[in-house]
Protein backbone atom coordinates (compact mmCIF):
# COMPACT_ATOMS: atom_id res chain seq x y z
CA MET A 1 5.30 53.18 14.45
CA ASN A 2 2.28 51.24 15.56
CA GLN A 3 0.89 51.71 11.76
CA ILE A 4 3.89 50.08 10.52
CA ALA A 5 4.26 47.25 13.04
CA THR A 6 0.93 46.16 13.24
CA PRO A 7 0.89 44.73 9.49
CA ALA A 8 4.23 43.37 9.90
CA THR A 9 3.33 41.63 13.31
CA ALA A 10 -0.07 40.01 11.39
CA ARG A 11 1.58 38.85 8.40
CA SER A 12 4.48 37.31 10.01
CA SER A 13 1.64 35.50 12.11
CA THR A 14 -0.03 34.41 8.94
CA GLU A 15 3.14 33.05 7.80
CA GLY A 16 3.89 31.28 10.63
CA GLY A 17 -0.19 29.83 11.02
CA THR A 18 0.06 28.95 7.57
CA ARG A 19 3.29 27.02 7.77
CA THR A 20 1.17 25.18 10.64
CA ARG A 21 -1.51 24.35 8.71
CA SER A 22 0.56 23.16 5.48
CA SER A 23 2.11 20.47 7.38
CA TRP A 24 -1.30 18.69 7.97
CA PRO A 25 -2.71 17.98 4.36
CA VAL A 26 -0.08 15.54 3.08
CA PRO A 27 -0.38 13.36 6.42
CA ALA A 28 -4.38 13.88 5.96
CA ALA A 29 -4.46 12.47 2.27
CA LEU A 30 -2.29 9.77 3.03
CA LEU A 31 -4.11 8.50 6.22
CA GLY A 32 -7.17 8.76 3.82
CA LEU A 33 -5.44 6.83 1.11
CA SER A 34 -4.55 4.21 3.80
CA ALA A 35 -8.17 3.69 5.20
CA ILE A 36 -9.77 1.32 3.03
CA PRO A 37 -6.70 -0.80 2.18
CA LEU A 38 -6.04 -0.72 6.13
CA THR A 39 -9.72 -1.41 7.21
CA ALA A 40 -10.03 -4.36 4.71
CA GLY A 41 -7.14 -5.85 6.15
CA THR A 42 -8.18 -5.75 9.67
CA LEU A 43 -11.52 -7.33 8.64
CA ARG A 44 -9.58 -10.19 7.04
CA LEU A 45 -7.47 -10.48 10.23
CA ILE A 46 -10.84 -10.66 12.17
CA GLN A 47 -12.05 -13.43 9.71
CA LEU A 48 -9.02 -15.34 9.74
CA GLY A 49 -9.29 -15.76 13.55
CA GLY A 50 -12.52 -16.76 13.82
CA GLY A 51 -14.77 -13.71 13.56
CA PRO A 52 -17.55 -12.84 11.44
CA ALA A 53 -17.24 -13.16 7.66
CA VAL A 54 -17.35 -9.70 6.42
CA LEU A 55 -15.26 -9.93 3.46
CA PRO A 56 -15.79 -12.49 0.70
CA ALA A 57 -13.91 -15.89 1.41
CA ASP A 58 -10.47 -16.12 -0.58
CA ASP A 59 -10.15 -19.99 -1.36
CA ARG A 60 -6.46 -19.59 -1.97
CA PHE A 61 -5.93 -19.15 1.86
CA THR A 62 -6.75 -21.73 4.62
CA GLY A 63 -6.26 -21.68 8.45
CA PHE A 64 -4.12 -18.83 9.34
CA PRO A 65 -1.75 -18.24 6.34
CA ILE A 66 1.55 -16.57 7.96
CA ALA A 67 2.11 -14.69 4.86
CA LEU A 68 -0.78 -13.09 4.79
CA VAL A 69 -0.98 -12.21 8.29
CA VAL A 70 2.95 -10.65 7.92
CA HIS A 71 1.50 -8.72 4.91
CA ILE A 72 -1.34 -7.31 6.65
CA VAL A 73 0.49 -6.34 10.12
CA GLY A 74 3.46 -4.91 8.30
CA ALA A 75 1.50 -3.09 5.67
CA ALA A 76 -0.65 -1.39 8.54
CA VAL A 77 2.55 -0.57 10.49
CA PHE A 78 4.17 0.74 7.28
CA ALA A 79 1.26 3.12 6.56
CA LEU A 80 0.56 4.62 9.85
CA VAL A 81 4.07 5.17 11.41
CA GLY A 82 4.92 6.57 7.75
CA ILE A 83 2.32 8.86 8.12
CA VAL A 84 3.96 10.57 10.89
CA GLN A 85 7.47 10.61 9.11
CA PHE A 86 5.42 13.00 6.88
CA MET A 87 4.89 15.77 9.27
CA PRO A 88 8.10 17.68 9.22
CA ARG A 89 7.44 19.75 12.34
CA PHE A 90 6.79 17.11 14.40
CA ARG A 91 9.76 15.19 12.83
CA ARG A 92 12.18 18.30 13.54
CA LYS A 93 10.76 18.68 17.42
CA HIS A 94 11.24 14.77 17.77
CA LEU A 95 14.69 13.88 16.14
CA THR A 96 15.15 10.68 18.19
CA TRP A 97 11.83 9.60 17.82
CA HIS A 98 11.86 9.57 13.97
CA ARG A 99 15.23 7.72 14.07
CA ARG A 100 13.57 5.10 15.81
CA ALA A 101 10.13 5.30 14.10
CA GLY A 102 12.32 4.97 10.87
CA ARG A 103 13.96 1.61 12.20
CA ILE A 104 10.48 0.29 13.06
CA LEU A 105 9.35 1.56 9.35
CA ALA A 106 12.03 0.01 7.56
CA VAL A 107 11.55 -3.43 9.13
CA ALA A 108 7.61 -3.06 8.27
CA GLY A 109 8.26 -2.17 4.95
CA LEU A 110 10.69 -5.21 4.20
CA MET A 111 7.61 -7.26 6.04
CA VAL A 112 5.49 -5.97 3.40
CA ALA A 113 7.55 -6.20 0.57
CA GLY A 114 8.96 -9.64 1.23
CA SER A 115 5.59 -11.19 2.13
CA ALA A 116 4.08 -9.73 -0.97
CA LEU A 117 6.97 -12.00 -3.16
CA TRP A 118 6.04 -14.64 -0.82
CA LEU A 119 2.24 -14.70 -1.28
CA THR A 120 2.93 -13.89 -5.29
CA LEU A 121 5.19 -16.97 -5.56
CA ALA A 122 3.89 -19.06 -3.10
CA TYR A 123 0.27 -19.09 -3.78
CA SER A 124 -1.90 -19.24 -6.76
CA PRO A 125 -2.98 -15.90 -8.29
CA LYS A 126 -6.32 -14.54 -7.45
CA PRO A 127 -9.42 -15.35 -10.15
CA GLY A 128 -9.60 -12.67 -12.38
CA THR A 129 -5.88 -11.59 -12.45
CA GLY A 130 -3.59 -12.38 -15.12
CA GLU A 131 0.48 -12.37 -16.15
CA VAL A 132 0.45 -8.62 -15.94
CA LEU A 133 -0.42 -8.17 -12.58
CA TYR A 134 1.93 -11.18 -11.45
CA THR A 135 4.76 -9.44 -13.17
CA PHE A 136 4.06 -6.11 -11.45
CA ARG A 137 3.54 -7.66 -8.03
CA LEU A 138 7.29 -9.14 -8.61
CA VAL A 139 8.80 -6.26 -10.06
CA PHE A 140 7.44 -3.63 -7.74
CA ALA A 141 7.70 -5.69 -4.22
CA ALA A 142 11.46 -6.24 -5.25
CA ALA A 143 11.68 -2.37 -5.97
CA MET A 144 10.25 -1.62 -2.57
CA MET A 145 12.65 -3.93 -1.03
CA GLY A 146 15.29 -2.35 -3.05
CA ALA A 147 14.29 1.25 -2.14
CA ILE A 148 13.99 0.68 1.47
CA ILE A 149 17.78 -1.24 1.72
CA LEU A 150 19.12 1.79 -0.08
CA GLY A 151 17.35 4.41 2.06
CA VAL A 152 18.77 2.72 5.21
CA ARG A 153 22.27 2.67 3.68
CA ALA A 154 22.02 6.47 2.85
CA ALA A 155 20.88 7.34 6.35
CA SER A 156 23.96 5.39 7.87
CA ALA A 157 26.04 7.22 5.28
CA ARG A 158 24.34 10.47 6.83
CA ASN A 159 23.28 11.31 3.09
CA ILE A 160 19.67 12.63 4.21
CA GLY A 161 18.74 13.75 0.87
CA ALA A 162 19.17 10.18 -0.71
CA HIS A 163 17.64 8.76 2.49
CA ARG A 164 14.96 10.49 2.08
CA ALA A 165 14.25 10.43 -1.73
CA TRP A 166 14.44 6.44 -1.26
CA MET A 167 12.53 6.11 1.45
CA VAL A 168 9.61 8.28 -0.26
CA ARG A 169 9.61 5.98 -2.91
CA ALA A 170 9.31 3.10 -0.95
CA TYR A 171 6.12 4.42 0.98
CA ALA A 172 4.88 5.19 -2.73
CA ILE A 173 5.10 1.88 -3.63
CA GLY A 174 3.75 0.50 -0.42
CA LEU A 175 0.53 2.65 -0.66
CA ALA A 176 -0.37 1.87 -3.96
CA ALA A 177 -3.21 -0.39 -2.52
CA GLY A 178 -4.95 2.68 -1.55
CA THR A 179 -4.41 4.21 -4.88
CA GLN A 180 -5.81 0.95 -6.64
CA VAL A 181 -9.12 1.57 -5.06
CA LEU A 182 -9.63 4.62 -7.31
CA THR A 183 -7.71 3.41 -10.41
CA GLU A 184 -9.64 0.13 -10.56
CA PRO A 185 -13.38 1.64 -11.09
CA LEU A 186 -11.96 4.47 -13.04
CA GLY A 187 -10.32 1.63 -15.46
CA HIS A 188 -13.24 -0.12 -15.57
CA ALA A 189 -15.57 2.82 -16.19
CA LEU A 190 -13.37 4.38 -19.35
CA PHE A 191 -12.10 0.87 -20.55
CA GLY A 192 -14.29 -1.85 -19.42
CA THR A 193 -13.26 -4.93 -17.60
CA GLY A 194 -10.72 -7.98 -18.64
CA ASP A 195 -7.89 -9.80 -17.20
CA VAL A 196 -5.33 -7.19 -18.75
CA ARG A 197 -7.25 -4.43 -18.52
CA ASP A 198 -7.93 -5.16 -14.49
CA ASP A 199 -4.16 -5.71 -14.36
CA LEU A 200 -3.45 -2.31 -16.00
CA ALA A 201 -5.91 -0.54 -13.64
CA LYS A 202 -4.15 -1.95 -10.43
CA GLY A 203 -0.41 -1.11 -12.16
CA ALA A 204 -1.74 2.29 -12.40
CA GLY A 205 -1.69 2.76 -8.75
CA TRP A 206 1.77 2.20 -8.64
CA PHE A 207 2.57 4.44 -11.37
CA ILE A 208 0.75 7.25 -10.22
CA ASN A 209 1.96 6.83 -6.97
CA LEU A 210 5.61 6.63 -7.97
CA ALA A 211 5.02 9.79 -10.26
CA ILE A 212 3.68 11.93 -7.61
CA ALA A 213 6.92 10.76 -5.05
CA GLU A 214 9.30 11.48 -7.76
CA TRP A 215 7.61 15.06 -8.26
CA ALA A 216 8.19 15.32 -4.48
CA ILE A 217 11.45 14.71 -4.51
CA ARG A 218 12.69 16.73 -7.27
CA ARG A 219 10.66 19.65 -6.38
CA ARG A 220 13.11 22.11 -4.68
CA PRO A 221 12.16 24.88 -2.02
CA ARG A 222 13.50 27.95 -2.08
CA PRO A 223 16.58 28.02 0.13
CA VAL A 224 16.02 29.78 3.71
CA ARG A 225 18.30 32.24 3.01
CA GLU A 226 16.61 33.43 -0.10
CA ARG A 227 13.20 33.20 1.56
CA HIS A 228 14.64 35.79 4.20
CA ARG A 229 16.07 38.09 1.90
CA GLN A 230 12.81 38.27 0.27
CA ARG A 231 11.05 38.83 3.33
CA SER A 232 13.40 41.69 4.53
CA HIS A 233 13.17 43.03 1.02
CA GLY A 234 9.44 43.32 1.58
CA ASP A 235 9.54 44.60 5.05
CA ASP A 236 11.84 47.47 4.14
CA LEU A 237 9.13 48.57 1.56
CA LEU A 238 6.40 48.52 3.94
CA ASN A 239 8.72 50.75 6.44
CA ARG A 240 9.56 53.03 3.50
CA THR A 241 5.70 53.26 2.41
CA GLY A 242 5.24 53.84 6.19
CA ALA A 243 7.47 56.71 6.54
CA SER A 244 6.54 58.60 3.55
CA ALA A 245 3.07 58.40 4.91
């Protein structure tokens, strides 16, 4: 009996360990993706507050521009709170926290999208950017805002699947700045530089993030009942093998 029980116990322990470890790669990847934009935003706030000029000055912003401050602070909260929301085990164990954090996430996301529209419409474009990026910013800021509103409405209607889908899309749009850190140099290396090429390289960050988000949303894990049935079938085979031995 011990020879039969021990492998099953080890396998169960291994599966449990796998589930525990598998919940970490996504939050870790999101944190890494957010690190450079969050660091740049923090340094920009310090610089605007009279601190050392670590980043190149941006002549478009003088004093302490509210729109830029709202955008940076909102993006930091949105990115960091969102990472925790992507930890399934933590979310299941702390459902009340998840709901409260979700409200904070929604407000922060609306701050990001609203301030992005504000910055795009009220300030002159950054030198080196063109009409393509201007259009991208308007479209994706509006899309992010719409996704958050639809996600909140779905949560209020207890439609958890739709809520998750819309919030994942909103988070993907909001995190595009991290992906653009990768797509811009890659685009320059492959296609050279120029207003349109640079704009498309930045735009690729949004499209890549949304493509990954749609893949994650549409991926259907096997139902728990099916996994349990296959596991029980495997245990039966193991027991019969041990008995025949």
